[in-house]
Every structure is written in C-alpha cells, then in structure tokens.
Amino acid sequence: MSALYAMSLVGMGGTGGGTVYVGNGKIVGVGAGNLRYSGTYIEQGGRIKGTVNLYAPTGGTLVTGAQIPADSRWSLTLDWPANFSDGKPQTLIVEGRPVHIMMEKIGDI
C-alpha cells in the first residue's frame, strides 16, 4: 500500500485536489489551496483506521464551502476499506459536512 496518491475531492461548496503519501502507518500530503495533511493509521480487518490532522496555514475556502481563517487546524477520523483507491469515492466528514474523496495511485514508494 505504500504509495503516492492523487486525490480528487468533491464537497457541497466545490471541488479540489491534492497529493498524499499513504504507507508504513503514515499519511502525509498537501492539497490545492495549501491545505496540509498529516496522520497515522493501522490496517485492521481489511480496513485502514486512523487520524488525519489538517492544517491550513493560509486559510481559505474548503470544498465544503466553509471559510476558514489562517492557521486553522483540526483532526479527522479515517475508517476506509484497505483498497480505498479502487475508483469508488470514500467519505470523510469535515467541519460537519461530507467530503467525497477519490484516490488514484500514482506510484509505489
């Protein structure tokens, strides 16, 4: 599973994208609009479960439509199938609103 992935995000307020590394229990990436992702996960029962911390150093508008100030930080809980890059959208709740994320493997690392 250790690979670099392209993310496509769809929310109530628009679309976005980014790149994220998932592997060896770590999640690290950056999204359009300078949103930073970092976290950890475990594989359990055919799923990956973990926590992803988001950081918006410059603020802006999320794909949910929410306006966030500079230096915003929050944490999300991740519980996805281990084959999360199978072309099906996965859902995360961000600021109380759903975001659908499609992951495409770019390359193994």
Protein backbone atom coordinates (compact mmCIF):
# COMPACT_ATOMS: atom_id res chain seq x y z
CA MET A 1 0.00 0.00 0.00
CA SER A 2 2.96 2.39 0.41
CA ALA A 3 2.34 4.74 -2.48
CA LEU A 4 1.77 8.29 -3.64
CA TYR A 5 -1.86 9.06 -4.49
CA ALA A 6 -3.64 11.83 -6.39
CA MET A 7 -6.80 12.98 -4.56
CA SER A 8 -9.94 14.41 -6.12
CA LEU A 9 -12.34 15.94 -3.59
CA VAL A 10 -15.99 16.90 -4.01
CA GLY A 11 -17.99 18.76 -1.38
CA MET A 12 -21.09 20.89 -1.11
CA GLY A 13 -19.02 24.01 -1.89
CA GLY A 14 -16.97 22.78 -4.82
CA THR A 15 -14.11 20.56 -5.85
CA GLY A 16 -10.44 20.28 -5.01
CA GLY A 17 -7.45 18.05 -5.29
CA GLY A 18 -4.08 17.21 -3.90
CA THR A 19 -1.41 14.60 -3.45
CA VAL A 20 -0.91 12.32 -0.47
CA TYR A 21 1.50 9.58 0.57
CA VAL A 22 -0.04 6.62 2.40
CA GLY A 23 2.28 3.94 3.73
CA ASN A 24 4.12 2.47 6.68
CA GLY A 25 1.41 3.74 9.02
CA LYS A 26 1.80 7.36 7.89
CA ILE A 27 -0.32 9.79 5.86
CA VAL A 28 1.33 12.99 4.56
CA GLY A 29 0.19 15.33 1.82
CA VAL A 30 -0.82 18.71 0.50
CA GLY A 31 -3.99 19.89 -1.19
CA ALA A 32 -4.93 22.69 -3.52
CA GLY A 33 -5.22 25.88 -1.53
CA ASN A 34 -2.20 24.90 0.61
CA LEU A 35 -4.09 22.55 2.96
CA ARG A 36 -1.63 20.18 4.71
CA TYR A 37 -2.41 16.61 5.77
CA SER A 38 -0.52 14.50 8.31
CA GLY A 39 -1.57 11.49 10.29
CA THR A 40 -1.21 7.86 11.17
CA TYR A 41 -3.20 4.69 10.54
CA ILE A 42 -3.29 0.98 11.22
CA GLU A 43 -4.56 -1.82 9.00
CA GLN A 44 -7.19 -3.91 10.74
CA GLY A 45 -9.77 -6.35 9.37
CA GLY A 46 -9.37 -5.26 5.74
CA ARG A 47 -9.65 -1.56 6.64
CA ILE A 48 -7.32 1.32 7.39
CA LYS A 49 -8.21 3.21 10.54
CA GLY A 50 -6.52 6.34 11.70
CA THR A 51 -6.45 10.03 12.37
CA VAL A 52 -5.59 12.74 9.85
CA ASN A 53 -4.67 16.21 11.05
CA LEU A 54 -5.42 19.08 8.70
CA TYR A 55 -3.63 22.41 8.79
CA ALA A 56 -4.49 25.48 6.71
CA PRO A 57 -1.55 27.88 7.14
CA THR A 58 -3.07 30.49 4.81
CA GLY A 59 -6.80 29.89 5.44
CA GLY A 60 -9.29 29.94 2.58
CA THR A 61 -12.40 28.09 1.48
CA LEU A 62 -12.83 24.33 1.90
CA VAL A 63 -14.65 22.14 -0.64
CA THR A 64 -17.44 22.03 1.96
CA GLY A 65 -17.95 25.76 1.38
CA ALA A 66 -16.70 26.66 4.86
CA GLN A 67 -14.47 29.73 5.15
CA ILE A 68 -11.50 29.09 7.45
CA PRO A 69 -9.02 31.57 8.88
CA ALA A 70 -5.25 31.28 8.53
CA ASP A 71 -3.59 28.83 10.93
CA SER A 72 -6.75 26.65 11.22
CA ARG A 73 -6.20 23.11 12.50
CA TRP A 74 -8.49 20.17 13.06
CA SER A 75 -8.45 16.39 13.20
CA LEU A 76 -10.47 13.79 11.24
CA THR A 77 -11.09 10.11 11.89
CA LEU A 78 -10.43 7.78 8.98
CA ASP A 79 -12.07 4.35 8.56
CA TRP A 80 -11.80 3.23 4.93
CA PRO A 81 -11.50 -0.11 3.13
CA ALA A 82 -7.88 -1.14 2.62
CA ASN A 83 -8.49 -0.96 -1.15
CA PHE A 84 -9.52 2.72 -0.90
CA SER A 85 -8.08 3.52 -4.36
CA ASP A 86 -10.46 1.19 -6.22
CA GLY A 87 -12.20 4.08 -8.03
CA LYS A 88 -15.06 4.37 -5.54
CA PRO A 89 -15.39 7.60 -3.56
CA GLN A 90 -14.64 7.43 0.16
CA THR A 91 -16.31 9.84 2.56
CA LEU A 92 -14.90 11.99 5.35
CA ILE A 93 -16.84 14.44 7.48
CA VAL A 94 -15.10 17.84 7.54
CA GLU A 95 -16.49 20.65 9.67
CA GLY A 96 -19.74 18.66 9.94
CA ARG A 97 -20.13 18.29 6.17
CA PRO A 98 -19.37 15.30 3.92
CA VAL A 99 -16.46 15.33 1.50
CA HIS A 100 -16.16 12.59 -1.11
CA ILE A 101 -12.59 11.65 -1.94
CA MET A 102 -11.36 9.58 -4.87
CA MET A 103 -7.81 8.30 -4.64
CA GLU A 104 -5.73 7.26 -7.64
CA LYS A 105 -2.41 5.53 -7.13
CA ILE A 106 0.38 7.42 -8.89
CA GLY A 107 3.21 5.10 -7.96
CA ASP A 108 4.58 2.75 -5.34
CA ILE A 109 7.18 4.06 -2.95
